[in-house]
Amino acid sequence: GLTGEEIVTIRGLENVQPRQELIVELFRPSDGKMARFPVRCRIDTPTELEYYKNGGVMPYVLRNLARGVTDAAE
């Protein structure tokens, strides 16, 4: 099981797309063991991707308001 000392790395976030398969690497320093397994990104829509890229819904909306965009879904 997990002990809390593991270092978790998610590969493939640089150019992430909705529902993309990503690779999780789990490294345990105490014994040097590494586990890798695929996961499905649960960013499901292009709008959710924009929220993610902007740090969340609120920063996304505030940036759009500051730019004068009235429809936050644009």
C-alpha atoms as a PDB file:
ATOM      1  CA  GLY A   1       0.000   0.000   0.000  1.00  0.00           C
ATOM      2  CA  LEU A   2       0.867   3.660   0.015  1.00  0.00           C
ATOM      3  CA  THR A   3       2.929   5.030   2.905  1.00  0.00           C
ATOM      4  CA  GLY A   4       2.936   8.758   2.122  1.00  0.00           C
ATOM      5  CA  GLU A   5       6.623   8.867   1.232  1.00  0.00           C
ATOM      6  CA  GLU A   6       5.989   8.187  -2.458  1.00  0.00           C
ATOM      7  CA  ILE A   7       6.882  10.739  -5.117  1.00  0.00           C
ATOM      8  CA  VAL A   8       4.077  10.939  -7.678  1.00  0.00           C
ATOM      9  CA  THR A   9       4.709  12.207 -11.210  1.00  0.00           C
ATOM     10  CA  ILE A  10       1.980  12.554 -13.840  1.00  0.00           C
ATOM     11  CA  ARG A  11       3.386  12.375 -17.363  1.00  0.00           C
ATOM     12  CA  GLY A  12       1.683  14.023 -20.333  1.00  0.00           C
ATOM     13  CA  LEU A  13       0.270  17.178 -18.730  1.00  0.00           C
ATOM     14  CA  GLU A  14       2.303  19.523 -20.959  1.00  0.00           C
ATOM     15  CA  ASN A  15      -0.168  19.297 -23.855  1.00  0.00           C
ATOM     16  CA  VAL A  16      -3.094  17.641 -22.107  1.00  0.00           C
ATOM     17  CA  GLN A  17      -6.351  17.164 -24.001  1.00  0.00           C
ATOM     18  CA  PRO A  18      -9.803  16.183 -22.704  1.00  0.00           C
ATOM     19  CA  ARG A  19     -10.066  12.463 -21.781  1.00  0.00           C
ATOM     20  CA  GLN A  20      -6.418  11.832 -22.699  1.00  0.00           C
ATOM     21  CA  GLU A  21      -4.598   8.830 -21.275  1.00  0.00           C
ATOM     22  CA  LEU A  22      -1.782   9.893 -18.936  1.00  0.00           C
ATOM     23  CA  ILE A  23       0.929   7.897 -17.182  1.00  0.00           C
ATOM     24  CA  VAL A  24       1.375   8.039 -13.406  1.00  0.00           C
ATOM     25  CA  GLU A  25       4.781   7.171 -11.968  1.00  0.00           C
ATOM     26  CA  LEU A  26       4.952   6.279  -8.293  1.00  0.00           C
ATOM     27  CA  PHE A  27       8.482   6.223  -6.830  1.00  0.00           C
ATOM     28  CA  ARG A  28       9.243   5.035  -3.301  1.00  0.00           C
ATOM     29  CA  PRO A  29      12.657   6.384  -2.201  1.00  0.00           C
ATOM     30  CA  SER A  30      13.057   3.963   0.722  1.00  0.00           C
ATOM     31  CA  ASP A  31      13.314   0.903  -1.518  1.00  0.00           C
ATOM     32  CA  GLY A  32      13.854   2.481  -4.956  1.00  0.00           C
ATOM     33  CA  LYS A  33      10.750   0.840  -6.408  1.00  0.00           C
ATOM     34  CA  MET A  34       8.907   2.516  -9.268  1.00  0.00           C
ATOM     35  CA  ALA A  35       5.382   1.720 -10.430  1.00  0.00           C
ATOM     36  CA  ARG A  36       3.858   3.070 -13.646  1.00  0.00           C
ATOM     37  CA  PHE A  37       0.211   2.871 -14.632  1.00  0.00           C
ATOM     38  CA  PRO A  38      -2.160   4.561 -17.091  1.00  0.00           C
ATOM     39  CA  VAL A  39      -4.981   6.849 -15.965  1.00  0.00           C
ATOM     40  CA  ARG A  40      -7.692   8.717 -17.842  1.00  0.00           C
ATOM     41  CA  CYS A  41      -7.621  12.514 -17.567  1.00  0.00           C
ATOM     42  CA  ARG A  42     -10.985  13.675 -16.211  1.00  0.00           C
ATOM     43  CA  ILE A  43     -10.868  16.992 -17.957  1.00  0.00           C
ATOM     44  CA  ASP A  44     -13.826  16.076 -20.142  1.00  0.00           C
ATOM     45  CA  THR A  45     -14.534  19.164 -22.266  1.00  0.00           C
ATOM     46  CA  PRO A  46     -12.623  21.986 -23.960  1.00  0.00           C
ATOM     47  CA  THR A  47     -14.217  24.430 -21.476  1.00  0.00           C
ATOM     48  CA  GLU A  48     -12.925  22.403 -18.518  1.00  0.00           C
ATOM     49  CA  LEU A  49      -9.491  22.444 -20.168  1.00  0.00           C
ATOM     50  CA  GLU A  50      -9.603  26.250 -20.287  1.00  0.00           C
ATOM     51  CA  TYR A  51     -10.525  26.327 -16.579  1.00  0.00           C
ATOM     52  CA  TYR A  52      -7.550  24.046 -15.828  1.00  0.00           C
ATOM     53  CA  LYS A  53      -5.139  26.164 -17.898  1.00  0.00           C
ATOM     54  CA  ASN A  54      -6.294  29.285 -16.042  1.00  0.00           C
ATOM     55  CA  GLY A  55      -5.976  27.793 -12.562  1.00  0.00           C
ATOM     56  CA  GLY A  56      -9.688  27.180 -11.984  1.00  0.00           C
ATOM     57  CA  VAL A  57     -13.116  28.605 -12.753  1.00  0.00           C
ATOM     58  CA  MET A  58     -12.740  31.837 -10.764  1.00  0.00           C
ATOM     59  CA  PRO A  59      -9.389  32.889 -12.285  1.00  0.00           C
ATOM     60  CA  TYR A  60     -10.805  32.050 -15.734  1.00  0.00           C
ATOM     61  CA  VAL A  61     -13.889  34.226 -15.185  1.00  0.00           C
ATOM     62  CA  LEU A  62     -11.866  37.083 -13.668  1.00  0.00           C
ATOM     63  CA  ARG A  63      -9.403  37.076 -16.578  1.00  0.00           C
ATOM     64  CA  ASN A  64     -12.289  37.198 -19.045  1.00  0.00           C
ATOM     65  CA  LEU A  65     -13.932  40.052 -17.131  1.00  0.00           C
ATOM     66  CA  ALA A  66     -10.646  41.961 -17.087  1.00  0.00           C
ATOM     67  CA  ARG A  67     -10.374  41.518 -20.866  1.00  0.00           C
ATOM     68  CA  GLY A  68     -13.968  42.646 -21.339  1.00  0.00           C
ATOM     69  CA  VAL A  69     -15.323  39.248 -22.401  1.00  0.00           C
ATOM     70  CA  THR A  70     -18.899  39.018 -21.137  1.00  0.00           C
ATOM     71  CA  ASP A  71     -19.581  35.350 -21.965  1.00  0.00           C
ATOM     72  CA  ALA A  72     -17.174  33.280 -19.824  1.00  0.00           C
ATOM     73  CA  ALA A  73     -17.686  30.258 -22.101  1.00  0.00           C
ATOM     74  CA  GLU A  74     -15.981  31.991 -25.068  1.00  0.00           C
END
